[in-house]
């Protein structure tokens, strides 16, 4: 009877060894009972409805829709008021040219848009050229003010100005005034040439991005100031300094475009809804890939009935998406029917982008119902056979005794 007893002990050992293997196999990524539902936005098959959201076919993603209102073009400077005491300024529809404009000259070109017109966020473009090389020259090339005058005459008021400034190593300056108090950011000199500027405001922050190319892909510098998000009435295409003695400057300002100002054009917040994506399977994890520019945002919500929306913990609310490849654990939802709603917010001149939503699901069993997934022995068959052979040999050896 010793051989059967030895064989029985060997079988117990075999089961003991394989038990952890079975437990590990239960959660293997390539198990038959795990499936994946992937939407990489090559089409809109999983998109149910969308509001102010489009699919970008080139990038393969969902993004906010850009609204470009017809008629928003470069400003016509012939409609602007010109003050030019020394006769150094001339203008056409698209360009303001200044020739030998001294620091102490009186010259400005502006337009009255009405009280509080420039309020909220905006993004504007303008091109500036300084062809001089004098050390102490100064010309303002874009400004918003609540006053009408040259630069020195507006200093006691409230406004924002970008100007070309030649003093030692300073090349460009962005300055914000509030009741005469000033906050500035400067750029180092980089030669005397044409620069292409994008001036943006979001909340209480002003950015002036200076580019070397008209397509605005080669960034030269970025100036930033924090201000009080006030409303302004007048926009300027040019302002002389009219203060102190110094050298003159020659150049031009052109292609001033008010762009995404207020509700005229730009991105607006939106959302889209997916179709039901599980088809009777049960969700384990959501993996996603998203890009989110500064001051933009994206959240996601889940629903089993396309009516009541919760976060991934099955609580009222939403989950904030983070940049890159990330995931959310969906086991607390415990549902075999799943809709998703993606909400996107914008800084008006840029948009979040959702490149992929990937659901990992259970296809053959329901977690917690007591069923055991099918065990695929695979590479453990060899171990099982070896143990059985050892058991038989052990039993035969004991029998000979």
Protein backbone atom coordinates (compact mmCIF):
# COMPACT_ATOMS: atom_id res chain seq x y z
CA UNK A 1 0.00 0.00 0.00
CA UNK A 2 3.01 2.29 0.21
CA UNK A 3 3.08 3.02 -3.56
CA UNK A 4 -0.55 4.28 -3.76
CA UNK A 5 0.04 6.39 -0.66
CA UNK A 6 3.15 7.94 -2.21
CA UNK A 7 1.31 8.60 -5.46
CA UNK A 8 -1.55 10.22 -3.54
CA UNK A 9 0.88 12.48 -1.68
CA UNK A 10 2.48 13.44 -4.99
CA UNK A 11 -0.89 14.38 -6.46
CA UNK A 12 -1.60 16.59 -3.45
CA UNK A 13 1.79 18.24 -4.01
CA UNK A 14 0.88 18.77 -7.68
CA UNK A 15 -2.40 20.51 -6.82
CA UNK A 16 -0.64 22.66 -4.21
CA UNK A 17 1.98 23.78 -6.71
CA UNK A 18 -0.56 24.57 -9.44
CA UNK A 19 -2.98 26.46 -7.16
CA UNK A 20 -1.00 29.73 -7.20
CA UNK A 21 -0.53 29.29 -10.92
CA UNK A 22 -4.30 29.17 -11.35
CA UNK A 23 -4.71 32.30 -9.22
CA UNK A 24 -2.11 34.18 -11.25
CA UNK A 25 -3.66 33.06 -14.53
CA UNK A 26 -7.05 34.45 -13.46
CA UNK A 27 -5.87 38.00 -14.19
CA UNK A 28 -3.73 37.45 -17.26
CA UNK A 29 -4.05 40.18 -19.87
CA UNK A 30 -4.56 37.69 -22.70
CA UNK A 31 -7.11 35.42 -21.01
CA UNK A 32 -10.04 34.39 -23.19
CA UNK A 33 -12.55 35.96 -20.82
CA UNK A 34 -10.91 39.42 -21.04
CA UNK A 35 -11.88 41.61 -24.01
CA UNK A 36 -11.23 45.16 -25.18
CA UNK A 37 -13.43 47.76 -26.80
CA UNK A 38 -11.30 50.42 -28.49
CA UNK A 39 -12.31 53.70 -30.07
CA UNK A 40 -9.37 55.47 -31.69
CA UNK A 41 -11.63 57.84 -33.62
CA UNK A 42 -10.95 56.63 -37.13
CA UNK A 43 -14.71 57.08 -37.44
CA UNK A 44 -17.68 58.03 -35.26
CA UNK A 45 -19.15 54.54 -34.79
CA UNK A 46 -19.07 54.89 -30.98
CA UNK A 47 -20.16 58.55 -30.94
CA UNK A 48 -23.84 58.96 -30.10
CA UNK A 49 -24.25 62.74 -30.05
CA UNK A 50 -21.93 65.72 -29.78
CA UNK A 51 -22.32 69.39 -28.92
CA UNK A 52 -19.71 71.84 -30.24
CA UNK A 53 -17.33 68.91 -30.73
CA UNK A 54 -15.96 67.50 -33.98
CA UNK A 55 -13.80 64.58 -35.02
CA UNK A 56 -10.46 65.74 -36.39
CA UNK A 57 -9.85 63.33 -39.26
CA UNK A 58 -6.21 64.39 -39.69
CA UNK A 59 -5.20 63.94 -36.03
CA UNK A 60 -7.61 61.06 -35.32
CA UNK A 61 -9.20 62.60 -32.25
CA UNK A 62 -12.23 64.38 -30.83
CA UNK A 63 -11.78 68.12 -30.22
CA UNK A 64 -13.80 71.28 -29.73
CA UNK A 65 -15.14 72.97 -32.83
CA UNK A 66 -13.51 76.23 -33.89
CA UNK A 67 -16.03 78.89 -34.86
CA UNK A 68 -14.66 81.38 -37.38
CA UNK A 69 -17.24 84.11 -37.87
CA UNK A 70 -17.18 85.46 -41.45
CA UNK A 71 -15.95 89.03 -41.64
CA UNK A 72 -13.31 88.74 -38.91
CA UNK A 73 -10.33 89.88 -40.96
CA UNK A 74 -7.37 92.20 -40.57
CA UNK A 75 -8.27 95.65 -39.29
CA UNK A 76 -8.67 98.46 -41.82
CA UNK A 77 -6.43 101.26 -40.53
CA UNK A 78 -8.11 103.81 -42.78
CA UNK A 79 -11.03 103.62 -40.32
CA UNK A 80 -8.71 104.50 -37.40
CA UNK A 81 -8.12 108.02 -36.13
CA UNK A 82 -4.59 109.33 -36.71
CA UNK A 83 -2.81 111.99 -34.67
CA UNK A 84 0.61 112.89 -36.14
CA UNK A 85 2.03 116.21 -35.00
CA UNK A 86 5.48 115.83 -36.59
CA UNK A 87 4.26 114.15 -39.77
CA UNK A 88 6.23 110.92 -39.33
CA UNK A 89 3.32 108.47 -39.76
CA UNK A 90 1.39 107.25 -42.81
CA UNK A 91 -1.12 104.43 -43.18
CA UNK A 92 -2.93 102.23 -45.65
CA UNK A 93 -5.75 99.78 -44.99
CA UNK A 94 -3.37 97.07 -43.72
CA UNK A 95 -0.24 98.94 -42.57
CA UNK A 96 0.88 101.85 -40.39
CA UNK A 97 4.33 103.08 -41.40
CA UNK A 98 6.49 105.29 -39.19
CA UNK A 99 9.65 107.01 -40.44
CA UNK A 100 12.25 108.56 -38.12
CA UNK A 101 9.75 108.59 -35.24
CA UNK A 102 11.54 110.18 -32.25
CA UNK A 103 10.98 109.30 -28.61
CA UNK A 104 9.62 112.79 -27.99
CA UNK A 105 7.31 112.94 -31.04
CA UNK A 106 3.52 112.99 -30.65
CA UNK A 107 1.87 110.32 -32.81
CA UNK A 108 -0.84 107.71 -32.30
CA UNK A 109 -3.38 105.75 -34.35
CA UNK A 110 -6.44 104.36 -32.57
CA UNK A 111 -10.09 103.34 -32.85
CA UNK A 112 -13.00 103.69 -30.41
CA UNK A 113 -14.93 100.40 -30.09
CA UNK A 114 -17.20 101.65 -27.30
CA UNK A 115 -17.07 101.40 -23.53
CA UNK A 116 -16.01 98.01 -22.12
CA UNK A 117 -15.84 96.44 -25.60
CA UNK A 118 -12.56 94.58 -25.00
CA UNK A 119 -13.58 92.42 -22.05
CA UNK A 120 -13.06 88.78 -21.22
CA UNK A 121 -10.56 86.52 -22.95
CA UNK A 122 -9.14 87.30 -26.37
CA UNK A 123 -6.44 86.35 -28.87
CA UNK A 124 -5.13 88.88 -31.39
CA UNK A 125 -2.38 88.85 -34.02
CA UNK A 126 -0.20 91.73 -35.22
CA UNK A 127 3.02 92.07 -37.20
CA UNK A 128 5.71 94.61 -36.20
CA UNK A 129 8.96 95.67 -37.85
CA UNK A 130 11.77 97.81 -36.51
CA UNK A 131 14.45 98.49 -39.10
CA UNK A 132 16.49 100.92 -37.03
CA UNK A 133 19.48 100.23 -34.83
CA UNK A 134 19.46 103.09 -32.36
CA UNK A 135 19.94 102.40 -28.68
CA UNK A 136 17.22 104.49 -27.00
CA UNK A 137 14.34 104.36 -29.52
CA UNK A 138 10.78 103.45 -28.45
CA UNK A 139 7.52 102.81 -30.39
CA UNK A 140 4.33 101.22 -29.10
CA UNK A 141 2.83 98.89 -31.69
CA UNK A 142 -0.34 97.49 -30.08
CA UNK A 143 -2.32 98.65 -27.08
CA UNK A 144 -5.69 98.60 -25.32
CA UNK A 145 -6.51 101.69 -23.25
CA UNK A 146 -9.36 103.54 -21.64
CA UNK A 147 -7.57 106.80 -22.49
CA UNK A 148 -6.77 108.62 -25.75
CA UNK A 149 -3.23 109.99 -26.05
CA UNK A 150 0.35 109.00 -26.79
CA UNK A 151 2.07 106.59 -24.41
CA UNK A 152 3.24 109.12 -21.84
CA UNK A 153 -0.17 110.76 -21.88
CA UNK A 154 -1.85 107.44 -21.01
CA UNK A 155 0.55 106.43 -18.23
CA UNK A 156 -1.73 107.61 -15.47
CA UNK A 157 -4.59 105.48 -16.80
CA UNK A 158 -5.44 101.82 -17.38
CA UNK A 159 -4.25 99.77 -20.34
CA UNK A 160 -2.04 97.09 -21.88
CA UNK A 161 0.72 97.84 -24.39
CA UNK A 162 3.34 95.99 -26.43
CA UNK A 163 6.21 98.11 -27.69
CA UNK A 164 9.52 97.88 -29.46
CA UNK A 165 12.11 99.26 -27.08
CA UNK A 166 15.78 99.77 -27.81
CA UNK A 167 17.63 100.40 -24.55
CA UNK A 168 20.85 98.51 -23.87
CA UNK A 169 19.87 94.83 -24.28
CA UNK A 170 16.07 95.23 -24.19
CA UNK A 171 14.17 94.43 -27.40
CA UNK A 172 10.45 94.03 -26.64
CA UNK A 173 8.30 94.91 -23.67
CA UNK A 174 4.79 93.94 -22.55
CA UNK A 175 3.39 96.33 -19.93
CA UNK A 176 0.08 96.56 -18.10
CA UNK A 177 -1.00 99.75 -16.31
CA UNK A 178 -3.69 100.08 -13.64
CA UNK A 179 -4.32 103.64 -12.50
CA UNK A 180 -0.71 104.49 -13.30
CA UNK A 181 0.89 101.41 -11.69
CA UNK A 182 2.86 99.30 -14.16
CA UNK A 183 3.84 95.63 -14.45
CA UNK A 184 6.19 94.59 -17.27
CA UNK A 185 7.98 91.67 -18.87
CA UNK A 186 10.83 92.22 -21.31
CA UNK A 187 12.57 90.31 -24.07
CA UNK A 188 16.26 90.55 -24.86
CA UNK A 189 17.34 92.17 -28.10
CA UNK A 190 17.66 89.80 -31.00
CA UNK A 191 18.39 92.02 -33.97
CA UNK A 192 16.17 94.41 -35.86
CA UNK A 193 13.69 92.55 -37.99
CA UNK A 194 10.05 91.64 -38.56
CA UNK A 195 8.32 89.79 -35.74
CA UNK A 196 4.90 88.15 -35.67
CA UNK A 197 3.01 88.54 -32.40
CA UNK A 198 0.05 86.73 -30.84
CA UNK A 199 -1.35 88.54 -27.81
CA UNK A 200 -3.73 86.53 -25.63
CA UNK A 201 -5.61 87.07 -22.41
CA UNK A 202 -7.04 84.34 -20.23
CA UNK A 203 -8.48 85.40 -16.90
CA UNK A 204 -5.97 87.73 -15.26
CA UNK A 205 -3.02 86.65 -17.39
CA UNK A 206 -1.70 88.29 -20.58
CA UNK A 207 0.68 86.43 -22.91
CA UNK A 208 2.57 87.98 -25.82
CA UNK A 209 4.10 85.27 -28.01
CA UNK A 210 6.74 86.63 -30.41
CA UNK A 211 7.51 84.50 -33.48
CA UNK A 212 10.16 84.66 -36.19
CA UNK A 213 7.81 83.40 -38.92
CA UNK A 214 4.36 84.41 -40.10
CA UNK A 215 3.02 80.89 -39.62
CA UNK A 216 3.88 81.35 -35.93
CA UNK A 217 5.73 78.07 -35.55
CA UNK A 218 9.21 79.37 -34.55
CA UNK A 219 8.89 80.98 -31.13
CA UNK A 220 11.34 83.79 -30.43
CA UNK A 221 10.11 84.68 -26.94
CA UNK A 222 7.03 84.66 -24.72
CA UNK A 223 6.21 87.62 -22.45
CA UNK A 224 3.71 87.30 -19.59
CA UNK A 225 2.15 89.68 -17.07
CA UNK A 226 -0.61 89.21 -14.53
CA UNK A 227 -3.28 91.91 -14.60
CA UNK A 228 -6.78 92.68 -13.35
CA UNK A 229 -8.84 91.43 -16.33
CA UNK A 230 -10.32 94.87 -16.86
CA UNK A 231 -12.40 96.02 -19.83
CA UNK A 232 -11.02 98.48 -22.38
CA UNK A 233 -12.52 100.86 -24.93
CA UNK A 234 -9.78 101.85 -27.39
CA UNK A 235 -7.38 99.79 -29.46
CA UNK A 236 -4.17 101.30 -30.83
CA UNK A 237 -2.15 100.35 -33.86
CA UNK A 238 0.68 102.72 -32.94
CA UNK A 239 1.73 105.03 -30.09
CA UNK A 240 4.83 107.18 -29.80
CA UNK A 241 6.40 107.67 -26.38
CA UNK A 242 6.48 111.51 -26.30
CA UNK A 243 8.87 111.57 -23.35
CA UNK A 244 12.60 112.31 -23.03
CA UNK A 245 15.23 112.82 -25.66
CA UNK A 246 16.62 110.03 -27.74
CA UNK A 247 16.98 108.40 -31.10
CA UNK A 248 14.31 107.67 -33.64
CA UNK A 249 12.87 104.46 -35.01
CA UNK A 250 11.68 103.48 -38.50
CA UNK A 251 9.40 100.55 -39.30
CA UNK A 252 5.77 99.51 -39.57
CA UNK A 253 2.82 97.77 -37.88
CA UNK A 254 0.52 95.69 -40.04
CA UNK A 255 -2.04 92.86 -40.16
CA UNK A 256 -3.76 93.61 -36.86
CA UNK A 257 -6.41 90.93 -36.44
CA UNK A 258 -8.78 90.98 -33.47
CA UNK A 259 -9.23 87.24 -33.93
CA UNK A 260 -10.87 85.31 -31.12
CA UNK A 261 -12.20 88.27 -29.16
CA UNK A 262 -15.18 87.51 -26.92
CA UNK A 263 -17.79 85.47 -28.78
CA UNK A 264 -16.69 86.50 -32.27
CA UNK A 265 -14.53 83.48 -33.04
CA UNK A 266 -12.51 80.77 -31.37
CA UNK A 267 -13.27 77.59 -29.40
CA UNK A 268 -16.18 77.19 -27.00
CA UNK A 269 -16.87 74.52 -24.37
CA UNK A 270 -18.58 71.33 -25.53
CA UNK A 271 -19.20 67.65 -24.87
CA UNK A 272 -19.95 64.39 -26.64
CA UNK A 273 -21.69 61.13 -25.68
CA UNK A 274 -20.67 57.61 -26.61
CA UNK A 275 -23.02 54.84 -27.66
CA UNK A 276 -23.48 51.85 -25.31
CA UNK A 277 -20.08 50.17 -25.51
CA UNK A 278 -20.16 46.95 -23.43
CA UNK A 279 -22.81 44.87 -25.23
CA UNK A 280 -23.46 42.73 -22.15
CA UNK A 281 -19.86 42.41 -21.01
CA UNK A 282 -18.66 43.94 -17.75
CA UNK A 283 -16.15 46.81 -17.53
CA UNK A 284 -12.91 46.50 -15.57
CA UNK A 285 -10.82 49.50 -16.67
CA UNK A 286 -10.93 52.53 -18.92
CA UNK A 287 -7.64 53.51 -20.52
CA UNK A 288 -7.42 56.81 -22.39
CA UNK A 289 -5.05 59.15 -24.22
CA UNK A 290 -5.67 62.91 -24.04
CA UNK A 291 -3.83 66.20 -24.58
CA UNK A 292 -4.93 69.25 -22.56
CA UNK A 293 -3.42 72.72 -23.24
CA UNK A 294 -2.94 75.25 -20.45
CA UNK A 295 -6.21 76.67 -19.09
CA UNK A 296 -8.20 73.94 -20.86
CA UNK A 297 -9.78 70.90 -19.22
CA UNK A 298 -11.53 67.57 -19.78
CA UNK A 299 -13.72 65.39 -17.57
CA UNK A 300 -15.57 62.12 -18.08
CA UNK A 301 -18.80 60.68 -16.63
CA UNK A 302 -20.38 57.22 -16.80
CA UNK A 303 -23.96 55.95 -17.05
CA UNK A 304 -25.64 52.58 -17.31
CA UNK A 305 -28.92 54.05 -18.62
CA UNK A 306 -27.74 57.12 -20.59
CA UNK A 307 -29.53 59.28 -18.03
CA UNK A 308 -27.94 59.15 -14.56
CA UNK A 309 -24.25 60.10 -14.62
CA UNK A 310 -21.58 59.16 -12.06
CA UNK A 311 -17.79 59.06 -11.66
CA UNK A 312 -15.71 55.87 -11.79
CA UNK A 313 -16.41 55.24 -8.07
CA UNK A 314 -20.16 55.17 -8.82
CA UNK A 315 -20.66 58.49 -7.02
CA UNK A 316 -22.41 61.54 -8.39
CA UNK A 317 -19.91 63.71 -10.27
CA UNK A 318 -17.18 63.31 -12.87
CA UNK A 319 -13.51 62.35 -13.18
CA UNK A 320 -10.90 64.86 -14.31
CA UNK A 321 -8.78 63.51 -17.15
CA UNK A 322 -5.04 64.07 -17.04
CA UNK A 323 -2.55 64.50 -19.87
CA UNK A 324 -1.10 61.43 -21.56
CA UNK A 325 -1.87 57.73 -21.29
CA UNK A 326 -3.88 57.16 -18.10
CA UNK A 327 -6.56 54.82 -16.73
CA UNK A 328 -9.59 54.62 -14.42
CA UNK A 329 -10.71 51.54 -12.45
CA UNK A 330 -14.38 50.87 -13.37
CA UNK A 331 -15.06 47.82 -11.16
CA UNK A 332 -17.22 49.83 -8.75
CA UNK A 333 -19.66 50.57 -11.57
CA UNK A 334 -20.44 46.82 -11.78
CA UNK A 335 -22.40 47.27 -14.98
CA UNK A 336 -22.79 45.42 -18.28
CA UNK A 337 -24.19 48.54 -19.97
CA UNK A 338 -22.03 51.64 -20.23
CA UNK A 339 -22.33 55.07 -21.81
CA UNK A 340 -19.68 57.77 -21.40
CA UNK A 341 -19.89 61.57 -21.60
CA UNK A 342 -16.70 63.58 -22.23
CA UNK A 343 -16.82 67.26 -21.29
CA UNK A 344 -14.18 69.67 -22.67
CA UNK A 345 -13.45 73.25 -21.65
CA UNK A 346 -11.31 75.75 -23.54
CA UNK A 347 -9.19 78.84 -23.07
CA UNK A 348 -10.90 80.10 -26.26
CA UNK A 349 -7.85 79.75 -28.52
CA UNK A 350 -7.01 76.05 -28.01
CA UNK A 351 -8.77 72.76 -27.34
CA UNK A 352 -8.33 69.46 -25.46
CA UNK A 353 -8.03 66.42 -27.73
CA UNK A 354 -9.22 62.88 -26.97
CA UNK A 355 -7.21 60.41 -29.04
CA UNK A 356 -8.44 57.09 -27.65
CA UNK A 357 -10.85 55.45 -25.21
CA UNK A 358 -10.08 51.77 -24.47
CA UNK A 359 -12.31 49.60 -22.27
CA UNK A 360 -10.96 46.36 -20.77
CA UNK A 361 -13.92 44.04 -20.09
CA UNK A 362 -14.86 40.58 -18.79
CA UNK A 363 -16.48 38.66 -21.62
CA UNK A 364 -17.19 35.12 -20.36
CA UNK A 365 -17.88 35.44 -16.65
CA UNK A 366 -19.23 37.91 -14.13
CA UNK A 367 -16.88 38.77 -11.27
CA UNK A 368 -18.14 37.62 -7.89
CA UNK A 369 -20.66 35.02 -9.14
CA UNK A 370 -18.57 32.08 -8.00
CA UNK A 371 -17.65 30.83 -11.46
CA UNK A 372 -14.05 29.99 -12.11
CA UNK A 373 -12.53 31.00 -15.43
CA UNK A 374 -11.29 28.29 -17.69
CA UNK A 375 -7.71 27.40 -16.82
CA UNK A 376 -5.25 27.20 -19.65
CA UNK A 377 -2.35 25.03 -18.46
CA UNK A 378 0.02 26.01 -21.28
CA UNK A 379 3.60 25.92 -20.10
CA UNK A 380 2.64 24.29 -16.79
CA UNK A 381 1.81 20.95 -18.46
CA UNK A 382 5.51 20.04 -18.42
CA UNK A 383 5.74 20.73 -14.70
CA UNK A 384 2.67 18.58 -14.06
CA UNK A 385 4.05 15.65 -16.05
CA UNK A 386 7.42 15.87 -14.31
CA UNK A 387 5.76 15.77 -10.91
CA UNK A 388 3.63 12.78 -11.89
CA UNK A 389 6.68 10.87 -13.15
CA UNK A 390 8.56 11.67 -9.94
CA UNK A 391 5.59 10.42 -7.94
CA UNK A 392 5.45 7.17 -9.87
CA UNK A 393 9.17 6.61 -9.50
CA UNK A 394 8.94 7.38 -5.80
CA UNK A 395 6.13 4.88 -5.44
CA UNK A 396 8.03 2.17 -7.29
CA UNK A 397 11.09 2.74 -5.16
CA UNK A 398 9.13 2.36 -1.96
CA UNK A 399 7.46 -0.80 -3.33
CA UNK A 400 10.86 -2.51 -3.91
CA UNK A 401 11.68 -1.99 -0.25
